[in-house]
Amino acid sequence: WPQVALVANYVDGYEREYARAWGAADQLIGLLRSQGLFQVRKPQNGTSKFYLSTAGVAPATLAERALRQGIILPDGPPAEEIGLQVNATILRRPVESLARSFAGLLQA
């Protein structure tokens, strides 16, 4: 029940924040695609995730490098791409800064 107690603090603004988060995610996706360094897959028919991959750097290595920059990427079974969950935490940093950080992951 302690987790439910926190819900009351966020429920009223959830839809607005989630829409803002997807706006930022779409902007990030556009920047990542324009860099040409990442392949980004956004499934049709809606989901709360988009998927990121790049040639030459394993997803586990990307996640390790990202953590050093304060970006938490999911870890799990080895995969060809990383599923990024869209939520309000994407709003904590400017999208342009996130895009630069992602580009830096390939040079680390």
N, C-alpha and C. Protein backbone atom coordinates (compact mmCIF):
# COMPACT_ATOMS: atom_id res chain seq x y z
N TRP A 1 0.79 -1.21 0.00
CA TRP A 1 0.00 0.00 0.00
C TRP A 1 0.83 1.28 0.00
N PRO A 2 2.05 1.27 0.48
CA PRO A 2 2.80 2.53 0.45
C PRO A 2 2.93 3.10 -0.97
N GLN A 3 3.06 2.22 -1.97
CA GLN A 3 3.18 2.70 -3.34
C GLN A 3 1.90 3.40 -3.79
N VAL A 4 0.75 2.93 -3.35
CA VAL A 4 -0.52 3.52 -3.73
C VAL A 4 -0.65 4.92 -3.15
N ALA A 5 -0.10 5.14 -1.98
CA ALA A 5 -0.18 6.46 -1.35
C ALA A 5 0.47 7.53 -2.23
N LEU A 6 1.50 7.16 -2.97
CA LEU A 6 2.18 8.13 -3.84
C LEU A 6 1.35 8.49 -5.06
N VAL A 7 0.48 7.62 -5.49
CA VAL A 7 -0.31 7.84 -6.69
C VAL A 7 -1.12 9.13 -6.59
N ALA A 8 -1.69 9.40 -5.45
CA ALA A 8 -2.53 10.59 -5.28
C ALA A 8 -1.78 11.87 -5.63
N ASN A 9 -0.45 11.88 -5.44
CA ASN A 9 0.34 13.07 -5.75
C ASN A 9 0.50 13.31 -7.24
N TYR A 10 0.29 12.28 -8.07
CA TYR A 10 0.60 12.39 -9.49
C TYR A 10 -0.58 12.16 -10.41
N VAL A 11 -1.65 11.61 -9.92
CA VAL A 11 -2.74 11.18 -10.79
C VAL A 11 -3.39 12.34 -11.55
N ASP A 12 -3.55 13.47 -10.91
CA ASP A 12 -4.24 14.59 -11.57
C ASP A 12 -3.49 15.11 -12.79
N GLY A 13 -2.18 15.11 -12.75
CA GLY A 13 -1.41 15.64 -13.87
C GLY A 13 -0.82 14.58 -14.77
N TYR A 14 -1.15 13.32 -14.54
CA TYR A 14 -0.51 12.22 -15.28
C TYR A 14 -0.67 12.34 -16.79
N GLU A 15 -1.88 12.53 -17.25
CA GLU A 15 -2.11 12.57 -18.70
C GLU A 15 -1.37 13.73 -19.35
N ARG A 16 -1.37 14.87 -18.72
CA ARG A 16 -0.67 16.04 -19.24
C ARG A 16 0.85 15.78 -19.29
N GLU A 17 1.40 15.23 -18.21
CA GLU A 17 2.83 14.95 -18.17
C GLU A 17 3.23 13.86 -19.16
N TYR A 18 2.38 12.86 -19.32
CA TYR A 18 2.66 11.78 -20.26
C TYR A 18 2.67 12.32 -21.69
N ALA A 19 1.74 13.21 -22.00
CA ALA A 19 1.71 13.83 -23.33
C ALA A 19 2.98 14.67 -23.54
N ARG A 20 3.39 15.40 -22.54
CA ARG A 20 4.63 16.19 -22.64
C ARG A 20 5.83 15.27 -22.82
N ALA A 21 5.83 14.15 -22.10
CA ALA A 21 6.93 13.19 -22.20
C ALA A 21 7.02 12.63 -23.62
N TRP A 22 5.86 12.31 -24.22
CA TRP A 22 5.88 11.80 -25.60
C TRP A 22 6.30 12.89 -26.58
N GLY A 23 5.95 14.13 -26.31
CA GLY A 23 6.43 15.22 -27.16
C GLY A 23 7.94 15.30 -27.13
N ALA A 24 8.52 15.18 -25.93
CA ALA A 24 9.98 15.19 -25.80
C ALA A 24 10.59 13.96 -26.45
N ALA A 25 9.96 12.80 -26.26
CA ALA A 25 10.46 11.56 -26.86
C ALA A 25 10.46 11.66 -28.39
N ASP A 26 9.39 12.20 -28.95
CA ASP A 26 9.33 12.36 -30.41
C ASP A 26 10.41 13.30 -30.91
N GLN A 27 10.67 14.36 -30.14
CA GLN A 27 11.74 15.28 -30.50
C GLN A 27 13.09 14.57 -30.42
N LEU A 28 13.31 13.78 -29.37
CA LEU A 28 14.55 13.03 -29.22
C LEU A 28 14.71 12.03 -30.37
N ILE A 29 13.66 11.33 -30.70
CA ILE A 29 13.70 10.38 -31.81
C ILE A 29 14.12 11.09 -33.10
N GLY A 30 13.54 12.24 -33.35
CA GLY A 30 13.91 13.01 -34.54
C GLY A 30 15.37 13.39 -34.55
N LEU A 31 15.88 13.84 -33.40
CA LEU A 31 17.29 14.23 -33.32
C LEU A 31 18.20 13.02 -33.49
N LEU A 32 17.86 11.91 -32.87
CA LEU A 32 18.69 10.71 -33.00
C LEU A 32 18.72 10.21 -34.43
N ARG A 33 17.58 10.25 -35.08
CA ARG A 33 17.54 9.83 -36.49
C ARG A 33 18.36 10.78 -37.36
N SER A 34 18.26 12.08 -37.10
CA SER A 34 18.97 13.05 -37.93
C SER A 34 20.49 12.95 -37.75
N GLN A 35 20.94 12.49 -36.59
CA GLN A 35 22.38 12.29 -36.38
C GLN A 35 22.92 11.16 -37.24
N GLY A 36 22.04 10.23 -37.60
CA GLY A 36 22.46 9.10 -38.40
C GLY A 36 23.28 8.06 -37.64
N LEU A 37 23.35 8.20 -36.34
CA LEU A 37 24.15 7.29 -35.53
C LEU A 37 23.34 6.12 -34.96
N PHE A 38 22.04 6.32 -34.87
CA PHE A 38 21.16 5.33 -34.26
C PHE A 38 20.02 4.97 -35.20
N GLN A 39 19.55 3.77 -35.06
CA GLN A 39 18.31 3.37 -35.69
C GLN A 39 17.26 3.41 -34.59
N VAL A 40 16.15 4.03 -34.88
CA VAL A 40 15.08 4.16 -33.90
C VAL A 40 13.82 3.55 -34.50
N ARG A 41 13.22 2.66 -33.73
CA ARG A 41 11.98 2.01 -34.18
C ARG A 41 10.87 2.37 -33.21
N LYS A 42 9.83 2.95 -33.76
CA LYS A 42 8.65 3.31 -32.96
C LYS A 42 7.50 2.47 -33.50
N PRO A 43 7.08 1.46 -32.75
CA PRO A 43 6.04 0.55 -33.25
C PRO A 43 4.75 1.27 -33.61
N GLN A 44 4.12 0.79 -34.67
CA GLN A 44 2.81 1.32 -35.04
C GLN A 44 1.78 0.83 -34.03
N ASN A 45 0.64 1.46 -34.03
CA ASN A 45 -0.49 1.09 -33.17
C ASN A 45 -0.24 1.38 -31.70
N GLY A 46 0.74 2.20 -31.40
CA GLY A 46 0.92 2.70 -30.05
C GLY A 46 1.54 1.74 -29.07
N THR A 47 2.38 2.26 -28.24
CA THR A 47 3.01 1.56 -27.13
C THR A 47 3.64 2.64 -26.26
N SER A 48 4.13 2.26 -25.12
CA SER A 48 4.80 3.23 -24.25
C SER A 48 6.31 3.19 -24.43
N LYS A 49 6.77 2.52 -25.49
CA LYS A 49 8.20 2.39 -25.73
C LYS A 49 8.57 2.75 -27.16
N PHE A 50 9.86 3.08 -27.31
CA PHE A 50 10.47 3.08 -28.63
C PHE A 50 11.78 2.33 -28.47
N TYR A 51 12.35 1.90 -29.58
CA TYR A 51 13.48 0.99 -29.55
C TYR A 51 14.67 1.61 -30.26
N LEU A 52 15.83 1.46 -29.65
CA LEU A 52 17.05 2.11 -30.10
C LEU A 52 18.11 1.05 -30.38
N SER A 53 18.81 1.20 -31.49
CA SER A 53 19.95 0.32 -31.78
C SER A 53 20.98 1.10 -32.57
N THR A 54 22.18 0.55 -32.62
CA THR A 54 23.25 1.15 -33.39
C THR A 54 24.21 0.05 -33.81
N ALA A 55 24.86 0.26 -34.90
CA ALA A 55 25.84 -0.72 -35.38
C ALA A 55 27.15 -0.54 -34.62
N GLY A 56 27.76 -1.63 -34.25
CA GLY A 56 29.09 -1.57 -33.67
C GLY A 56 29.18 -1.47 -32.17
N VAL A 57 28.09 -1.17 -31.47
CA VAL A 57 28.12 -1.07 -30.02
C VAL A 57 26.97 -1.90 -29.46
N ALA A 58 27.31 -2.87 -28.64
CA ALA A 58 26.29 -3.74 -28.06
C ALA A 58 25.38 -2.96 -27.11
N PRO A 59 24.10 -3.31 -27.04
CA PRO A 59 23.19 -2.63 -26.12
C PRO A 59 23.68 -2.62 -24.68
N ALA A 60 24.29 -3.70 -24.22
CA ALA A 60 24.80 -3.72 -22.83
C ALA A 60 25.91 -2.70 -22.63
N THR A 61 26.74 -2.51 -23.64
CA THR A 61 27.80 -1.51 -23.57
C THR A 61 27.21 -0.10 -23.56
N LEU A 62 26.19 0.13 -24.40
CA LEU A 62 25.50 1.43 -24.39
C LEU A 62 24.93 1.73 -23.02
N ALA A 63 24.28 0.73 -22.41
CA ALA A 63 23.66 0.92 -21.10
C ALA A 63 24.71 1.25 -20.04
N GLU A 64 25.85 0.59 -20.10
CA GLU A 64 26.92 0.85 -19.14
C GLU A 64 27.46 2.26 -19.30
N ARG A 65 27.70 2.66 -20.53
CA ARG A 65 28.21 4.02 -20.80
C ARG A 65 27.17 5.07 -20.41
N ALA A 66 25.91 4.80 -20.69
CA ALA A 66 24.84 5.75 -20.36
C ALA A 66 24.75 5.98 -18.86
N LEU A 67 24.88 4.92 -18.09
CA LEU A 67 24.78 5.05 -16.64
C LEU A 67 25.82 6.01 -16.09
N ARG A 68 27.00 6.01 -16.69
CA ARG A 68 28.06 6.94 -16.27
C ARG A 68 27.69 8.38 -16.55
N GLN A 69 26.73 8.60 -17.46
CA GLN A 69 26.27 9.96 -17.78
C GLN A 69 24.93 10.28 -17.13
N GLY A 70 24.48 9.42 -16.23
CA GLY A 70 23.23 9.68 -15.52
C GLY A 70 21.99 9.31 -16.31
N ILE A 71 22.16 8.50 -17.36
CA ILE A 71 21.02 8.03 -18.15
C ILE A 71 20.85 6.55 -17.87
N ILE A 72 19.70 6.18 -17.39
CA ILE A 72 19.45 4.78 -17.06
C ILE A 72 18.73 4.12 -18.23
N LEU A 73 19.43 3.19 -18.86
CA LEU A 73 18.85 2.39 -19.93
C LEU A 73 18.56 1.01 -19.36
N PRO A 74 17.52 0.37 -19.84
CA PRO A 74 17.19 -0.94 -19.30
C PRO A 74 18.26 -1.97 -19.64
N ASP A 75 18.49 -2.85 -18.67
CA ASP A 75 19.35 -3.98 -18.97
C ASP A 75 18.49 -5.23 -18.88
N GLY A 76 18.94 -6.24 -19.46
CA GLY A 76 18.16 -7.45 -19.49
C GLY A 76 18.83 -8.44 -20.41
N PRO A 77 18.07 -9.33 -20.93
CA PRO A 77 18.68 -10.32 -21.82
C PRO A 77 19.31 -9.65 -23.03
N PRO A 78 20.39 -10.21 -23.52
CA PRO A 78 21.02 -9.63 -24.71
C PRO A 78 20.00 -9.47 -25.84
N ALA A 79 20.05 -8.33 -26.45
CA ALA A 79 19.12 -8.03 -27.54
C ALA A 79 19.83 -7.14 -28.55
N GLU A 80 19.24 -7.01 -29.71
CA GLU A 80 19.80 -6.16 -30.75
C GLU A 80 19.43 -4.69 -30.55
N GLU A 81 18.40 -4.44 -29.75
CA GLU A 81 17.96 -3.07 -29.53
C GLU A 81 17.53 -2.91 -28.08
N ILE A 82 17.48 -1.67 -27.65
CA ILE A 82 17.09 -1.34 -26.29
C ILE A 82 15.71 -0.72 -26.33
N GLY A 83 14.80 -1.25 -25.53
CA GLY A 83 13.46 -0.68 -25.42
C GLY A 83 13.46 0.44 -24.40
N LEU A 84 13.17 1.65 -24.84
CA LEU A 84 13.15 2.80 -23.95
C LEU A 84 11.72 3.14 -23.57
N GLN A 85 11.44 3.09 -22.29
CA GLN A 85 10.12 3.38 -21.75
C GLN A 85 9.94 4.89 -21.68
N VAL A 86 8.88 5.40 -22.25
CA VAL A 86 8.62 6.84 -22.21
C VAL A 86 7.84 7.16 -20.94
N ASN A 87 8.38 8.08 -20.17
CA ASN A 87 7.70 8.58 -18.97
C ASN A 87 8.24 9.97 -18.66
N ALA A 88 7.74 10.57 -17.62
CA ALA A 88 8.06 11.97 -17.32
C ALA A 88 9.52 12.21 -16.97
N THR A 89 10.30 11.18 -16.71
CA THR A 89 11.71 11.41 -16.40
C THR A 89 12.46 12.00 -17.59
N ILE A 90 11.96 11.83 -18.79
CA ILE A 90 12.62 12.41 -19.98
C ILE A 90 12.58 13.94 -19.92
N LEU A 91 11.69 14.48 -19.13
CA LEU A 91 11.55 15.93 -19.03
C LEU A 91 12.57 16.56 -18.09
N ARG A 92 13.38 15.75 -17.44
CA ARG A 92 14.35 16.27 -16.48
C ARG A 92 15.55 16.96 -17.12
N ARG A 93 15.80 16.63 -18.38
CA ARG A 93 16.93 17.23 -19.11
C ARG A 93 16.43 17.75 -20.44
N PRO A 94 17.05 18.81 -20.95
CA PRO A 94 16.67 19.28 -22.29
C PRO A 94 16.92 18.18 -23.32
N VAL A 95 16.02 18.06 -24.27
CA VAL A 95 16.10 17.01 -25.28
C VAL A 95 17.41 17.11 -26.06
N GLU A 96 17.84 18.30 -26.39
CA GLU A 96 19.09 18.47 -27.14
C GLU A 96 20.27 17.91 -26.35
N SER A 97 20.25 18.10 -25.03
CA SER A 97 21.30 17.57 -24.17
C SER A 97 21.27 16.04 -24.18
N LEU A 98 20.08 15.46 -24.13
CA LEU A 98 19.97 14.01 -24.20
C LEU A 98 20.51 13.48 -25.52
N ALA A 99 20.17 14.14 -26.62
CA ALA A 99 20.65 13.70 -27.93
C ALA A 99 22.18 13.75 -27.99
N ARG A 100 22.77 14.81 -27.45
CA ARG A 100 24.24 14.91 -27.42
C ARG A 100 24.84 13.79 -26.56
N SER A 101 24.17 13.52 -25.44
CA SER A 101 24.66 12.45 -24.56
C SER A 101 24.60 11.11 -25.25
N PHE A 102 23.52 10.84 -25.97
CA PHE A 102 23.41 9.58 -26.69
C PHE A 102 24.50 9.47 -27.76
N ALA A 103 24.77 10.55 -28.46
CA ALA A 103 25.84 10.54 -29.46
C ALA A 103 27.19 10.25 -28.79
N GLY A 104 27.39 10.81 -27.62
CA GLY A 104 28.62 10.58 -26.88
C GLY A 104 28.81 9.14 -26.44
N LEU A 105 27.72 8.41 -26.31
CA LEU A 105 27.82 7.00 -25.90
C LEU A 105 28.59 6.17 -26.93
N LEU A 106 28.57 6.61 -28.15
CA LEU A 106 29.25 5.87 -29.21
C LEU A 106 30.74 6.16 -29.25
N GLN A 107 31.15 7.24 -28.59
CA GLN A 107 32.54 7.66 -28.62
C GLN A 107 33.28 7.33 -27.31
N ALA A 108 32.53 6.83 -26.34
CA ALA A 108 33.14 6.58 -25.01
C ALA A 108 34.12 5.43 -25.05
